[in-house]
Each structure stands twice: as structure tokens, then as C-alpha cells.
Amino acid sequence: MRRFVSSLSAALLFVAMALVLFQPYPARTARAADINERCSACLQRTEAHYERCQAQFGFDTRCDEQFNRDIVNCYRQFCEQ
């Protein structure tokens, strides 16, 4: 009986350790406020870049094309998450 109890104790200890060690890692979820802040910041940077481009080159199509690419990148990376 003593051998049975010690084997059972060892098996229970092994199972408990396995459950603790091989538990799936809790994924950190992004808060909605973080995503909205990143989206707003990206859009503000894009707008500032567009205004600097217009100040330098005037109303040129290359500024418009770059602005469109930047807006698409902002939405792809931050706003549509």
C-alpha cells in the first residue's frame, strides 16, 4: 500500500507540473484605445508630411500619390486592426 501511495503521489505531482509548465501563454490583447491612438497618430503624421510636401513642391501630383500611399498604409497597419 505504501508503494502504491508514493507512486500515486509522484504521478499526481508530475501531472500538476505538466499542467503548470505547458499551459498556453496568455496572449496580450491590444486595447482599443491603443489602436485608436496609433491610428490617429499615423493619420496626423501623414497629414503633416503632406502639408510639408505641398509647401515644398506646391500642388503637385507626387504629393497626392505619396499621401494616398501613406493613408493606405496607416489604415492597413493601425486603423483596420
Protein backbone atom coordinates (compact mmCIF):
# COMPACT_ATOMS: atom_id res chain seq x y z
CA MET A 1 0.00 0.00 0.00
CA ARG A 2 2.85 2.34 0.81
CA ARG A 3 4.42 1.84 -2.63
CA PHE A 4 1.06 2.49 -4.31
CA VAL A 5 0.58 5.81 -2.43
CA SER A 6 4.09 7.01 -3.26
CA SER A 7 3.62 6.10 -6.95
CA LEU A 8 0.26 7.86 -6.99
CA SER A 9 1.78 10.94 -5.33
CA ALA A 10 4.59 11.03 -7.87
CA ALA A 11 2.15 10.69 -10.76
CA LEU A 12 -0.06 13.47 -9.39
CA LEU A 13 2.97 15.72 -8.90
CA PHE A 14 4.09 15.01 -12.48
CA VAL A 15 0.62 15.82 -13.88
CA ALA A 16 0.40 19.03 -11.85
CA MET A 17 3.81 20.19 -13.03
CA ALA A 18 2.96 19.35 -16.63
CA LEU A 19 -0.23 21.39 -16.41
CA VAL A 20 1.61 24.37 -14.95
CA LEU A 21 4.59 24.27 -17.31
CA PHE A 22 2.79 23.54 -20.55
CA GLN A 23 -0.06 25.96 -20.11
CA PRO A 24 -0.60 28.09 -23.23
CA TYR A 25 0.97 31.51 -22.95
CA PRO A 26 -1.71 34.17 -22.47
CA ALA A 27 -1.63 36.46 -25.47
CA ARG A 28 -1.57 40.16 -24.76
CA THR A 29 -4.53 41.74 -26.46
CA ALA A 30 -4.23 45.24 -27.77
CA ARG A 31 -6.60 47.68 -26.19
CA ALA A 32 -8.93 49.59 -28.46
CA ALA A 33 -7.55 52.87 -27.10
CA ASP A 34 -4.01 51.89 -28.15
CA ILE A 35 -5.16 51.07 -31.65
CA ASN A 36 -7.15 54.29 -31.96
CA GLU A 37 -4.22 56.34 -30.67
CA ARG A 38 -1.85 54.71 -33.15
CA CYS A 39 -4.31 55.25 -35.99
CA SER A 40 -4.79 58.92 -35.10
CA ALA A 41 -1.06 59.49 -34.71
CA CYS A 42 -0.35 57.88 -38.09
CA LEU A 43 -3.00 59.97 -39.81
CA GLN A 44 -1.65 63.16 -38.21
CA ARG A 45 1.91 62.33 -39.33
CA THR A 46 0.62 61.67 -42.83
CA GLU A 47 -1.22 64.99 -42.90
CA ALA A 48 1.85 66.87 -41.65
CA HIS A 49 4.02 65.17 -44.28
CA TYR A 50 1.51 66.08 -46.99
CA GLU A 51 1.47 69.73 -45.89
CA ARG A 52 5.28 69.88 -45.91
CA CYS A 53 5.32 68.35 -49.38
CA GLN A 54 2.80 70.89 -50.65
CA ALA A 55 4.79 73.73 -49.10
CA GLN A 56 7.90 72.50 -50.87
CA PHE A 57 6.52 71.49 -54.28
CA GLY A 58 3.16 73.23 -54.47
CA PHE A 59 0.11 71.34 -55.65
CA ASP A 60 1.96 68.51 -57.36
CA THR A 61 0.67 65.03 -58.12
CA ARG A 62 3.64 63.34 -56.43
CA CYS A 63 2.47 64.76 -53.09
CA ASP A 64 -1.01 63.43 -53.72
CA GLU A 65 0.26 59.98 -54.69
CA GLN A 66 2.50 59.76 -51.62
CA PHE A 67 -0.36 60.95 -49.42
CA ASN A 68 -2.62 58.21 -50.80
CA ARG A 69 0.05 55.55 -50.19
CA ASP A 70 0.58 56.80 -46.63
CA ILE A 71 -3.15 56.78 -45.88
CA VAL A 72 -3.46 53.22 -47.18
CA ASN A 73 -0.50 52.16 -45.01
CA CYS A 74 -1.99 53.80 -41.91
CA TYR A 75 -5.29 52.03 -42.39
CA ARG A 76 -3.61 48.74 -43.20
CA GLN A 77 -1.28 48.82 -40.21
CA PHE A 78 -3.29 50.53 -37.49
CA CYS A 79 -6.85 51.59 -38.26
CA GLU A 80 -8.32 48.32 -39.52
CA GLN A 81 -6.99 46.14 -36.72
